[in-house]
Protein backbone atom coordinates (compact mmCIF):
# COMPACT_ATOMS: atom_id res chain seq x y z
CA UNK A 1 0.21 31.13 8.94
CA UNK A 2 0.02 27.33 9.56
CA UNK A 3 2.27 25.74 7.38
CA UNK A 4 5.17 26.04 4.76
CA UNK A 5 4.92 25.18 0.69
CA UNK A 6 8.58 25.39 0.00
CA UNK A 7 10.13 24.06 -3.52
CA UNK A 8 12.56 21.19 -3.85
CA UNK A 9 14.17 21.60 -7.08
CA UNK A 10 12.64 21.57 -10.23
CA UNK A 11 10.04 19.55 -9.60
CA UNK A 12 9.37 18.84 -6.21
CA UNK A 13 7.85 20.52 -3.28
CA UNK A 14 7.50 20.31 0.58
CA UNK A 15 4.93 20.69 2.66
CA UNK A 16 5.12 21.02 6.49
CA UNK A 17 2.86 21.74 9.32
CA UNK A 18 4.47 21.82 12.99
CA UNK A 19 1.34 20.76 15.42
CA UNK A 20 2.98 18.74 17.59
CA UNK A 21 5.55 16.12 18.79
CA UNK A 22 4.89 13.45 16.06
CA UNK A 23 5.43 13.49 12.66
CA UNK A 24 4.09 12.42 9.84
CA UNK A 25 6.29 12.00 6.51
CA UNK A 26 4.66 11.07 3.79
CA UNK A 27 5.06 10.56 -0.36
CA UNK A 28 2.45 12.08 -3.12
CA UNK A 29 2.00 13.26 -6.19
CA UNK A 30 0.46 16.14 -7.88
CA UNK A 31 -2.58 14.73 -9.09
CA UNK A 32 -2.97 12.50 -6.05
CA UNK A 33 -2.65 15.48 -3.51
CA UNK A 34 -5.24 17.52 -6.25
CA UNK A 35 -7.55 14.69 -6.44
CA UNK A 36 -8.17 14.80 -2.56
CA UNK A 37 -11.03 16.54 -0.82
CA UNK A 38 -9.22 20.22 -0.45
CA UNK A 39 -6.41 19.15 -2.32
CA UNK A 40 -4.65 18.24 0.70
CA UNK A 41 -2.06 15.49 1.05
CA UNK A 42 -3.83 12.43 2.92
CA UNK A 43 -1.09 12.56 5.98
CA UNK A 44 -1.36 15.91 6.73
CA UNK A 45 -5.45 15.66 7.00
CA UNK A 46 -5.15 13.08 9.26
CA UNK A 47 -2.43 14.57 11.18
CA UNK A 48 -4.13 17.46 11.83
CA UNK A 49 -7.62 16.06 13.40
CA UNK A 50 -4.61 14.58 16.30
CA UNK A 51 -2.67 17.42 17.00
CA UNK A 52 0.25 16.05 14.81
CA UNK A 53 3.25 17.48 12.70
CA UNK A 54 3.11 16.38 9.05
CA UNK A 55 6.08 16.56 6.42
CA UNK A 56 4.58 15.74 2.95
CA UNK A 57 7.35 15.55 -0.42
CA UNK A 58 5.35 16.54 -3.37
CA UNK A 59 6.11 14.91 -6.92
CA UNK A 60 5.43 16.89 -9.68
CA UNK A 61 5.02 13.17 -12.00
CA UNK A 62 6.46 10.13 -11.44
CA UNK A 63 10.33 11.41 -10.38
CA UNK A 64 10.36 8.59 -7.87
CA UNK A 65 12.25 11.16 -6.06
CA UNK A 66 15.15 10.68 -7.51
CA UNK A 67 16.70 14.08 -7.44
CA UNK A 68 19.41 15.57 -6.02
CA UNK A 69 17.72 18.29 -4.59
CA UNK A 70 15.32 15.85 -2.85
CA UNK A 71 18.39 14.23 -1.65
CA UNK A 72 20.01 17.63 -0.21
CA UNK A 73 16.94 18.58 1.41
CA UNK A 74 16.58 15.56 3.77
CA UNK A 75 20.47 16.40 4.13
CA UNK A 76 19.49 19.42 5.82
CA UNK A 77 17.30 18.32 7.61
CA UNK A 78 19.45 16.00 9.01
CA UNK A 79 21.97 18.61 9.58
CA UNK A 80 19.48 20.75 11.47
CA UNK A 81 18.67 18.15 13.64
CA UNK A 82 15.12 18.39 12.58
CA UNK A 83 13.51 14.90 12.94
CA UNK A 84 15.19 14.81 16.55
CA UNK A 85 12.70 17.69 17.80
CA UNK A 86 9.90 14.70 17.60
CA UNK A 87 9.34 12.29 19.73
CA UNK A 88 8.19 9.86 16.89
CA UNK A 89 8.48 9.88 13.13
CA UNK A 90 6.75 7.78 11.02
CA UNK A 91 7.68 7.89 7.22
CA UNK A 92 4.48 6.68 5.11
CA UNK A 93 3.67 6.26 0.97
CA UNK A 94 1.95 4.00 -1.38
CA UNK A 95 3.86 2.81 -4.83
CA UNK A 96 6.43 5.08 -5.74
CA UNK A 97 5.81 6.97 -2.21
CA UNK A 98 6.15 3.54 -0.51
CA UNK A 99 9.61 3.32 -1.83
CA UNK A 100 10.70 6.96 -0.62
CA UNK A 101 8.95 6.32 2.33
CA UNK A 102 11.42 3.37 2.89
CA UNK A 103 14.33 5.18 0.69
CA UNK A 104 14.29 8.43 3.17
CA UNK A 105 13.58 6.56 6.36
CA UNK A 106 17.08 6.36 6.63
CA UNK A 107 17.45 10.53 8.02
CA UNK A 108 15.06 9.10 11.28
CA UNK A 109 17.00 6.57 13.21
CA UNK A 110 14.17 5.32 15.04
CA UNK A 111 11.31 5.91 12.36
CA UNK A 112 8.53 3.72 11.97
CA UNK A 113 7.59 3.08 8.45
CA UNK A 114 4.26 1.68 6.42
CA UNK A 115 4.65 1.60 3.62
CA UNK A 116 1.71 0.26 0.44
CA UNK A 117 3.11 -2.15 -2.63
CA UNK A 118 6.60 -0.53 -2.09
CA UNK A 119 9.11 -0.60 -5.22
CA UNK A 120 12.89 -2.03 -3.47
CA UNK A 121 14.52 -0.79 -6.36
CA UNK A 122 13.78 -0.20 -9.99
CA UNK A 123 17.51 -0.38 -11.30
CA UNK A 124 17.70 -3.08 -13.66
CA UNK A 125 20.62 -4.99 -12.39
CA UNK A 126 18.49 -6.00 -9.07
CA UNK A 127 14.60 -5.44 -10.45
CA UNK A 128 14.93 -5.95 -14.11
CA UNK A 129 11.35 -8.82 -13.72
CA UNK A 130 9.45 -5.18 -12.91
CA UNK A 131 8.74 -4.27 -16.64
CA UNK A 132 6.03 -1.95 -15.51
CA UNK A 133 8.36 1.11 -14.82
CA UNK A 134 10.81 1.15 -17.62
CA UNK A 135 10.90 4.31 -18.32
CA UNK A 136 11.77 5.26 -14.80
CA UNK A 137 14.87 3.00 -14.58
CA UNK A 138 16.51 6.72 -16.25
CA UNK A 139 16.05 8.15 -12.85
CA UNK A 140 18.80 6.12 -11.50
CA UNK A 141 18.72 3.19 -8.68
CA UNK A 142 22.55 3.44 -7.83
CA UNK A 143 23.20 6.50 -6.48
CA UNK A 144 22.41 7.46 -2.63
CA UNK A 145 18.61 6.64 -1.09
CA UNK A 146 18.58 4.05 -3.77
CA UNK A 147 18.04 1.26 -2.71
CA UNK A 148 15.43 0.80 -0.32
CA UNK A 149 15.79 -2.74 1.90
CA UNK A 150 19.10 -1.38 3.25
CA UNK A 151 17.97 2.43 3.96
CA UNK A 152 15.61 0.77 5.83
CA UNK A 153 18.35 -0.55 8.25
CA UNK A 154 17.97 2.04 11.24
CA UNK A 155 14.49 1.96 11.11
CA UNK A 156 12.50 0.61 14.81
CA UNK A 157 9.62 -0.81 12.86
CA UNK A 158 8.69 -1.34 8.32
CA UNK A 159 5.58 -2.64 7.91
CA UNK A 160 5.62 -3.49 4.08
CA UNK A 161 1.66 -4.13 3.01
CA UNK A 162 0.69 -6.31 -0.30
CA UNK A 163 -1.06 -8.45 -2.29
CA UNK A 164 0.96 -11.44 -2.18
CA UNK A 165 -1.31 -12.11 -5.92
CA UNK A 166 0.07 -9.41 -8.04
CA UNK A 167 3.94 -10.73 -8.33
CA UNK A 168 6.06 -7.68 -8.95
CA UNK A 169 4.92 -6.37 -5.51
CA UNK A 170 5.25 -9.98 -3.96
CA UNK A 171 8.69 -9.75 -5.11
CA UNK A 172 9.96 -5.94 -4.17
CA UNK A 173 8.32 -7.55 -1.03
CA UNK A 174 9.92 -10.10 -0.54
CA UNK A 175 13.41 -8.18 -0.63
CA UNK A 176 12.34 -6.40 2.84
CA UNK A 177 14.17 -9.33 4.79
CA UNK A 178 15.07 -7.58 7.98
CA UNK A 179 14.09 -8.86 10.93
CA UNK A 180 11.91 -5.64 12.19
CA UNK A 181 9.81 -5.94 9.28
CA UNK A 182 6.23 -6.93 9.35
CA UNK A 183 4.71 -8.15 5.74
CA UNK A 184 0.65 -7.33 6.07
CA UNK A 185 -1.12 -9.20 2.91
CA UNK A 186 -4.33 -8.06 1.33
CA UNK A 187 -4.44 -10.80 -1.07
CA UNK A 188 -7.18 -9.84 -3.99
CA UNK A 189 -6.66 -6.41 -3.09
CA UNK A 190 -4.86 -5.81 -6.34
CA UNK A 191 -1.91 -3.11 -7.04
CA UNK A 192 -3.44 -0.48 -5.56
CA UNK A 193 -4.27 -1.23 -1.69
CA UNK A 194 -4.21 2.13 -1.10
CA UNK A 195 -7.23 3.10 -2.70
CA UNK A 196 -9.13 0.53 -1.38
CA UNK A 197 -8.16 -0.08 1.93
CA UNK A 198 -9.37 3.93 2.09
CA UNK A 199 -12.72 3.07 0.73
CA UNK A 200 -12.57 -0.07 3.60
CA UNK A 201 -12.43 2.70 5.92
CA UNK A 202 -8.64 1.01 7.05
CA UNK A 203 -6.06 3.11 5.93
CA UNK A 204 -6.66 6.10 8.24
CA UNK A 205 -6.80 4.01 11.55
CA UNK A 206 -3.76 1.84 9.98
CA UNK A 207 -1.48 5.28 10.00
CA UNK A 208 -2.82 6.22 13.32
CA UNK A 209 -1.74 3.46 14.93
CA UNK A 210 1.37 4.00 13.09
CA UNK A 211 1.43 7.73 14.95
CA UNK A 212 0.58 6.35 17.97
CA UNK A 213 3.17 3.20 18.36
CA UNK A 214 0.32 1.21 18.33
CA UNK A 215 0.28 -0.67 14.59
CA UNK A 216 0.87 -4.26 15.24
CA UNK A 217 0.24 -7.44 12.71
CA UNK A 218 -2.66 -8.20 14.59
CA UNK A 219 -4.23 -4.93 15.08
CA UNK A 220 -4.18 -4.80 11.35
CA UNK A 221 -5.70 -8.47 10.56
CA UNK A 222 -8.60 -6.90 13.01
CA UNK A 223 -8.98 -4.22 10.29
CA UNK A 224 -8.77 -6.18 7.51
CA UNK A 225 -11.82 -7.77 8.39
CA UNK A 226 -13.46 -5.08 6.96
CA UNK A 227 -13.56 -6.84 3.69
CA UNK A 228 -15.76 -8.70 4.35
CA UNK A 229 -18.22 -6.47 3.67
CA UNK A 230 -16.11 -4.49 0.74
CA UNK A 231 -17.99 -5.65 -1.99
CA UNK A 232 -15.35 -5.02 -4.46
CA UNK A 233 -13.08 -7.32 -2.44
CA UNK A 234 -15.96 -10.06 -2.34
CA UNK A 235 -16.62 -9.50 -5.82
CA UNK A 236 -12.97 -10.15 -6.40
CA UNK A 237 -13.47 -13.36 -4.49
CA UNK A 238 -16.44 -14.62 -6.21
CA UNK A 239 -14.80 -14.58 -9.18
CA UNK A 240 -11.77 -15.79 -8.62
CA UNK A 241 -13.25 -19.19 -7.25
CA UNK A 242 -15.84 -19.73 -10.07
CA UNK A 243 -13.19 -18.86 -12.38
CA UNK A 244 -11.05 -22.15 -10.56
CA UNK A 245 -14.41 -23.80 -11.30
CA UNK A 246 -15.52 -24.02 -7.03
CA UNK A 247 -18.74 -24.19 -7.49
CA UNK A 248 -19.18 -24.96 -3.50
CA UNK A 249 -16.56 -23.24 -1.98
CA UNK A 250 -18.40 -20.08 -4.12
CA UNK A 251 -21.59 -21.00 -3.24
CA UNK A 252 -20.46 -20.84 0.82
CA UNK A 253 -19.22 -17.22 0.40
CA UNK A 254 -22.43 -16.29 -1.43
CA UNK A 255 -24.40 -17.54 2.05
CA UNK A 256 -21.39 -15.93 3.87
CA UNK A 257 -22.63 -12.84 2.70
CA UNK A 258 -25.99 -12.84 1.89
CA UNK A 259 -26.15 -13.56 6.48
CA UNK A 260 -24.68 -10.33 6.99
CA UNK A 261 -25.14 -7.83 4.57
CA UNK A 262 -27.48 -6.34 1.81
CA UNK A 263 -26.18 -7.56 -1.53
CA UNK A 264 -28.48 -8.47 -4.42
CA UNK A 265 -25.44 -9.75 -6.63
CA UNK A 266 -24.85 -12.12 -4.22
CA UNK A 267 -28.66 -13.14 -3.66
CA UNK A 268 -28.77 -14.11 -6.74
CA UNK A 269 -26.10 -15.81 -7.49
CA UNK A 270 -26.69 -17.92 -4.21
CA UNK A 271 -29.68 -19.19 -5.93
CA UNK A 272 -27.91 -19.80 -8.93
CA UNK A 273 -25.89 -21.98 -7.55
CA UNK A 274 -27.67 -23.46 -5.40
CA UNK A 275 -29.59 -24.67 -8.59
CA UNK A 276 -26.78 -25.85 -10.11
CA UNK A 277 -25.65 -27.48 -7.28
CA UNK A 278 -28.65 -29.74 -6.63
CA UNK A 279 -28.68 -31.73 -10.20
CA UNK A 280 -26.69 -34.30 -10.64
CA UNK A 281 -23.95 -34.25 -12.62
CA UNK A 282 -24.26 -35.15 -16.24
CA UNK A 283 -24.25 -39.19 -17.26
CA UNK A 284 -20.22 -40.10 -18.93
CA UNK A 285 -20.77 -42.21 -21.76
CA UNK A 286 -18.35 -44.21 -22.80
CA UNK A 287 -17.03 -43.35 -26.91
CA UNK A 288 -17.49 -45.61 -29.16
CA UNK A 289 -14.97 -48.16 -30.43
CA UNK A 290 -13.62 -47.35 -33.44
CA UNK A 291 -13.85 -49.27 -36.68
CA UNK A 292 -10.77 -50.50 -38.69
């Protein structure tokens, strides 16, 4: 009664809800959808809360949405002027879905794209340095909708979110060079920023802002401050500082955290670091001369 759910070839499905003049187009996998509360796609839940429409392409496995049936599906949407029925269109996805969000945004000129850790391509000739998805190369990334940085040509605004410390993700992000691309960097968040941002309560506001045409780098950085009370991010940063031997910086981090939140681990570590740094350094003794 509220939506349609159609097969798109043998390995994909389309879930569409027609609620309002804003459309969120997202890309997920069956496993991701089944893991969510109510087994409802993330973008569908956000759209429903605002009276927006949503279209989610759901992949059965790591298909990377490289399927002629998916191409034909978007061709039909273009022929039917489907996207022209909406005042605003947002393409959204993470990882494999981020790649698809960029690649298929060409179907709706002027759309906003919010892509988390998108791959530009997995074609060996261009991204042979990314060896994380070797089996996915068989899907072919030289046919239609193949090279994502070219497919965003007609988009309005594109936001590429990634952790610059994840080398492959940063290299993919660097291939999106258009002047309307905004890089949103999340250092120390890892290769799955969508999971961490959702836990931080940041992912929903980001997608909402994109749907309201209010997403900016300034808004993102204001939301990104929530990392300062997000335990996993703080622990990762602390481990990094200690691993590099920057103990005074690590102590400063512990003091900052303990001044804001109740964190027993950081309180204990602060006491340990204060004791360690209060001790005078061990004297350096000169080596004894070697006898001939």
